[in-house]
């Protein structure tokens, strides 16, 4: 029978796992009490599982590009693999590719590479890639829902990201605050949207604008949904999709997927 890990029993459980030959590491708990606090649990198994992200050439190329440009990405390999799989799932659909929350350009570089690869296979120009960010850090936060502070992740700039990702004319950099940067895109059709804006209100704004424009079969990938540093992300996603036909699909690594179902809304 499994046991719920708590601050009081974690040391004993780690000792028992060690005696069984299971490699364990220090457990990191949420820094502050969160809604459903006990549901934020470390996930571990005593057996190896298929981990293709460890040697994926697209992820390796992203890391090398980050090193070459002297920048960093906060999307680690297994979460980058989710982005790859979601892109491949949607690559045959009509519509644009969006990323909200770009930071220093790591995941945008990854998706750009995938889009170029798809374009070569089709012998056609790439779809439009739209990248939304303030390029000046996070906005003001929602008290009681967000743990980040306004101004976090300000160590970036539009010029730095453009130099990292590339200047191609099919890449549209949208600098400013969400949802104002969505202006003029009301007629857009979207097949893939990576939402990585950390905070309750911007994530809710993304849902309200992107979801109605998501083509059937299109996907939204929420990077921060299950992370204890971003409880507002889960609150926004759960609130928006409550009562809608799509069900958010939480992943073990903290991400969450939503696939647009067919039918009128």
Protein backbone atom coordinates (compact mmCIF):
# COMPACT_ATOMS: atom_id res chain seq x y z
CA UNK A 1 0.00 0.00 0.00
CA UNK A 2 1.31 3.44 -0.90
CA UNK A 3 1.79 6.09 1.77
CA UNK A 4 1.25 9.81 1.47
CA UNK A 5 4.59 11.54 1.93
CA UNK A 6 4.59 14.30 4.53
CA UNK A 7 7.23 16.52 6.05
CA UNK A 8 7.18 14.27 9.12
CA UNK A 9 7.65 10.90 7.45
CA UNK A 10 9.76 11.76 4.38
CA UNK A 11 13.09 10.88 6.00
CA UNK A 12 11.84 7.44 7.05
CA UNK A 13 10.37 6.70 3.62
CA UNK A 14 13.61 7.74 1.91
CA UNK A 15 15.58 5.41 4.19
CA UNK A 16 13.23 2.52 3.41
CA UNK A 17 13.49 3.18 -0.32
CA UNK A 18 17.26 3.27 -0.04
CA UNK A 19 17.28 -0.12 1.67
CA UNK A 20 15.29 -1.47 -1.29
CA UNK A 21 17.87 -0.14 -3.74
CA UNK A 22 15.77 2.77 -4.99
CA UNK A 23 17.75 5.92 -5.74
CA UNK A 24 16.18 8.85 -3.91
CA UNK A 25 16.93 12.55 -3.82
CA UNK A 26 16.02 15.35 -1.44
CA UNK A 27 12.34 16.20 -1.57
CA UNK A 28 11.49 19.84 -2.23
CA UNK A 29 8.18 20.97 -0.76
CA UNK A 30 6.11 24.00 -1.76
CA UNK A 31 7.65 27.11 -0.20
CA UNK A 32 4.25 28.27 1.08
CA UNK A 33 0.94 26.58 1.88
CA UNK A 34 -1.11 26.09 -1.30
CA UNK A 35 -4.66 24.97 -2.02
CA UNK A 36 -4.63 21.14 -1.89
CA UNK A 37 -1.14 21.37 -0.43
CA UNK A 38 -0.85 17.62 0.20
CA UNK A 39 -1.50 16.92 -3.48
CA UNK A 40 1.87 18.45 -4.36
CA UNK A 41 3.87 15.26 -3.92
CA UNK A 42 7.21 14.05 -5.26
CA UNK A 43 6.73 11.41 -7.92
CA UNK A 44 9.16 8.49 -8.06
CA UNK A 45 9.26 4.93 -9.27
CA UNK A 46 11.79 2.21 -8.63
CA UNK A 47 12.11 1.27 -12.30
CA UNK A 48 13.43 2.86 -15.47
CA UNK A 49 10.97 4.24 -18.00
CA UNK A 50 11.37 5.28 -21.61
CA UNK A 51 12.90 8.77 -21.62
CA UNK A 52 13.46 9.86 -25.24
CA UNK A 53 14.08 13.47 -24.26
CA UNK A 54 17.51 12.46 -22.92
CA UNK A 55 18.93 12.08 -26.43
CA UNK A 56 16.48 13.96 -28.66
CA UNK A 57 18.42 15.94 -31.29
CA UNK A 58 15.96 18.85 -31.28
CA UNK A 59 16.38 19.33 -27.54
CA UNK A 60 20.15 19.01 -27.87
CA UNK A 61 20.12 21.65 -30.62
CA UNK A 62 18.05 23.97 -28.39
CA UNK A 63 20.54 23.63 -25.55
CA UNK A 64 23.49 24.24 -27.85
CA UNK A 65 21.79 27.34 -29.27
CA UNK A 66 21.20 28.66 -25.75
CA UNK A 67 24.84 28.11 -24.87
CA UNK A 68 25.99 29.71 -28.10
CA UNK A 69 23.91 32.84 -27.41
CA UNK A 70 24.77 32.99 -23.72
CA UNK A 71 21.15 32.69 -22.59
CA UNK A 72 19.14 30.12 -20.67
CA UNK A 73 15.85 28.29 -20.80
CA UNK A 74 13.65 27.36 -17.84
CA UNK A 75 12.00 24.53 -19.81
CA UNK A 76 13.88 21.35 -18.96
CA UNK A 77 14.22 18.35 -21.26
CA UNK A 78 11.11 16.36 -20.34
CA UNK A 79 8.89 19.46 -20.66
CA UNK A 80 10.55 20.31 -23.96
CA UNK A 81 9.63 16.79 -25.11
CA UNK A 82 5.97 17.55 -24.35
CA UNK A 83 6.23 20.58 -26.64
CA UNK A 84 7.73 18.43 -29.39
CA UNK A 85 4.98 15.81 -29.12
CA UNK A 86 2.23 18.44 -29.05
CA UNK A 87 3.70 20.15 -32.09
CA UNK A 88 3.89 16.89 -34.01
CA UNK A 89 0.32 16.08 -33.04
CA UNK A 90 -0.89 19.39 -34.52
CA UNK A 91 1.50 19.94 -37.44
CA UNK A 92 -0.98 18.81 -40.10
CA UNK A 93 -3.69 21.18 -38.88
CA UNK A 94 -4.36 24.63 -40.33
CA UNK A 95 -3.52 27.62 -38.20
CA UNK A 96 -0.77 29.55 -36.49
CA UNK A 97 1.69 28.57 -33.77
CA UNK A 98 1.70 30.76 -30.64
CA UNK A 99 3.85 31.05 -27.55
CA UNK A 100 2.84 33.34 -24.71
CA UNK A 101 5.71 33.87 -22.30
CA UNK A 102 9.00 33.65 -24.18
CA UNK A 103 11.59 34.68 -21.55
CA UNK A 104 15.00 34.26 -23.25
CA UNK A 105 13.74 32.25 -26.21
CA UNK A 106 14.57 28.61 -25.45
CA UNK A 107 11.26 26.91 -26.25
CA UNK A 108 10.63 29.37 -29.10
CA UNK A 109 13.92 28.24 -30.65
CA UNK A 110 12.82 24.63 -30.29
CA UNK A 111 9.44 25.19 -31.94
CA UNK A 112 10.98 27.28 -34.72
CA UNK A 113 13.27 24.36 -35.56
CA UNK A 114 10.30 21.99 -35.68
CA UNK A 115 8.40 24.37 -37.95
CA UNK A 116 11.34 24.65 -40.34
CA UNK A 117 11.60 20.87 -40.44
CA UNK A 118 7.89 20.53 -41.25
CA UNK A 119 8.18 23.19 -43.97
CA UNK A 120 11.05 21.32 -45.64
CA UNK A 121 9.07 18.08 -45.57
CA UNK A 122 6.13 19.79 -47.25
CA UNK A 123 8.22 21.98 -49.53
CA UNK A 124 6.11 24.91 -48.32
CA UNK A 125 6.71 28.05 -46.28
CA UNK A 126 6.34 27.72 -42.49
CA UNK A 127 3.17 28.80 -40.74
CA UNK A 128 3.23 32.01 -38.71
CA UNK A 129 4.95 31.79 -35.34
CA UNK A 130 3.77 34.49 -32.91
CA UNK A 131 5.80 35.17 -29.76
CA UNK A 132 4.19 37.22 -26.96
CA UNK A 133 6.15 38.62 -24.04
CA UNK A 134 6.73 41.87 -22.22
CA UNK A 135 10.48 41.16 -22.60
CA UNK A 136 10.71 43.06 -19.31
CA UNK A 137 9.60 40.50 -16.71
CA UNK A 138 6.28 39.61 -15.13
CA UNK A 139 3.41 42.09 -14.61
CA UNK A 140 1.71 42.75 -11.29
CA UNK A 141 0.45 39.61 -9.62
CA UNK A 142 -2.91 38.56 -8.16
CA UNK A 143 -2.78 38.58 -4.36
CA UNK A 144 -3.68 35.25 -2.82
CA UNK A 145 -3.20 33.31 -6.06
CA UNK A 146 0.33 34.04 -7.32
CA UNK A 147 3.65 33.54 -5.56
CA UNK A 148 5.85 35.26 -8.13
CA UNK A 149 6.40 38.99 -7.91
CA UNK A 150 5.99 41.65 -10.58
CA UNK A 151 9.30 42.11 -12.34
CA UNK A 152 10.47 38.50 -11.98
CA UNK A 153 12.26 37.15 -15.09
CA UNK A 154 13.24 40.64 -16.23
CA UNK A 155 16.69 39.46 -17.35
CA UNK A 156 15.72 39.41 -21.01
CA UNK A 157 15.03 41.80 -23.87
CA UNK A 158 13.37 41.78 -27.27
CA UNK A 159 16.73 42.35 -28.95
CA UNK A 160 18.33 39.40 -27.13
CA UNK A 161 15.45 37.06 -27.93
CA UNK A 162 15.29 38.12 -31.57
CA UNK A 163 19.01 37.44 -31.90
CA UNK A 164 18.54 34.00 -30.35
CA UNK A 165 15.38 32.88 -32.15
CA UNK A 166 15.98 34.56 -35.52
CA UNK A 167 14.68 37.42 -37.68
CA UNK A 168 12.63 35.44 -40.22
CA UNK A 169 9.63 37.31 -41.57
CA UNK A 170 7.23 34.52 -40.55
CA UNK A 171 8.11 35.09 -36.87
CA UNK A 172 6.00 37.83 -35.26
CA UNK A 173 7.43 39.23 -32.01
CA UNK A 174 4.68 40.87 -29.95
CA UNK A 175 6.21 42.94 -27.18
CA UNK A 176 3.95 44.19 -24.39
CA UNK A 177 1.37 43.01 -21.90
CA UNK A 178 -1.22 40.33 -22.48
CA UNK A 179 -4.04 40.70 -23.52
CA UNK A 180 -3.27 44.05 -25.22
CA UNK A 181 -0.76 42.32 -27.51
CA UNK A 182 -3.56 40.13 -28.92
CA UNK A 183 -5.15 43.19 -30.54
CA UNK A 184 -5.64 42.82 -34.28
CA UNK A 185 -5.51 39.01 -34.16
CA UNK A 186 -9.22 38.43 -33.61
CA UNK A 187 -9.52 36.53 -36.91
CA UNK A 188 -6.55 34.23 -36.22
CA UNK A 189 -6.86 30.44 -36.33
CA UNK A 190 -4.47 28.71 -33.92
CA UNK A 191 -3.36 25.10 -33.93
CA UNK A 192 -0.74 25.12 -31.15
CA UNK A 193 -0.36 27.45 -28.18
CA UNK A 194 2.34 27.12 -25.52
CA UNK A 195 1.17 29.18 -22.54
CA UNK A 196 4.03 29.93 -20.13
CA UNK A 197 3.13 33.16 -18.36
CA UNK A 198 3.17 31.90 -14.74
CA UNK A 199 0.41 34.09 -13.33
CA UNK A 200 -3.34 33.75 -12.83
CA UNK A 201 -4.64 36.75 -14.78
CA UNK A 202 -2.41 36.47 -17.89
CA UNK A 203 -3.18 32.74 -18.13
CA UNK A 204 -6.91 33.44 -17.84
CA UNK A 205 -6.54 36.14 -20.52
CA UNK A 206 -4.75 33.63 -22.77
CA UNK A 207 -7.53 31.08 -22.30
CA UNK A 208 -10.23 33.63 -23.06
CA UNK A 209 -8.58 34.76 -26.30
CA UNK A 210 -6.88 31.62 -27.62
CA UNK A 211 -9.46 28.93 -26.84
CA UNK A 212 -12.22 30.30 -29.12
CA UNK A 213 -9.66 30.51 -31.96
CA UNK A 214 -8.17 27.06 -31.44
CA UNK A 215 -8.95 24.82 -34.40
CA UNK A 216 -10.47 21.37 -33.71
CA UNK A 217 -7.63 19.10 -32.67
CA UNK A 218 -5.49 22.10 -31.74
CA UNK A 219 -3.66 22.04 -28.43
CA UNK A 220 -2.88 24.38 -25.56
CA UNK A 221 0.11 23.43 -23.42
CA UNK A 222 0.19 25.08 -19.99
CA UNK A 223 3.74 24.96 -18.72
CA UNK A 224 3.16 26.02 -15.11
CA UNK A 225 -0.10 24.23 -14.26
CA UNK A 226 1.13 21.87 -11.56
CA UNK A 227 4.20 23.74 -10.32
CA UNK A 228 4.04 24.75 -6.65
CA UNK A 229 5.60 28.10 -7.58
CA UNK A 230 2.59 28.93 -9.79
CA UNK A 231 -0.67 28.04 -7.99
CA UNK A 232 -2.44 30.79 -9.93
CA UNK A 233 -1.80 28.87 -13.16
CA UNK A 234 -3.82 25.87 -12.02
CA UNK A 235 -6.54 28.10 -10.61
CA UNK A 236 -6.89 29.94 -13.94
CA UNK A 237 -6.98 26.81 -16.11
CA UNK A 238 -9.40 24.94 -13.85
CA UNK A 239 -11.68 27.96 -13.60
CA UNK A 240 -11.77 28.59 -17.34
CA UNK A 241 -12.43 25.01 -18.43
CA UNK A 242 -14.98 24.23 -15.72
CA UNK A 243 -18.21 23.50 -17.58
CA UNK A 244 -16.56 23.29 -20.99
CA UNK A 245 -16.32 20.02 -22.93
CA UNK A 246 -12.53 19.88 -22.84
CA UNK A 247 -10.90 18.49 -19.71
CA UNK A 248 -7.42 19.71 -18.70
CA UNK A 249 -4.96 16.77 -18.74
CA UNK A 250 -2.36 17.27 -15.97
CA UNK A 251 1.05 15.68 -16.56
CA UNK A 252 3.43 14.31 -13.95
CA UNK A 253 6.03 16.97 -14.72
CA UNK A 254 3.70 19.88 -13.88
CA UNK A 255 2.49 20.69 -17.40
CA UNK A 256 -1.12 20.38 -18.52
CA UNK A 257 -2.62 19.74 -21.97
CA UNK A 258 -5.95 20.77 -23.44
CA UNK A 259 -7.03 19.51 -26.89
CA UNK A 260 -9.85 21.35 -28.63
CA UNK A 261 -12.73 19.00 -29.36
CA UNK A 262 -14.81 19.32 -32.53
CA UNK A 263 -18.12 21.15 -32.45
CA UNK A 264 -19.44 24.68 -32.24
CA UNK A 265 -18.97 26.72 -29.05
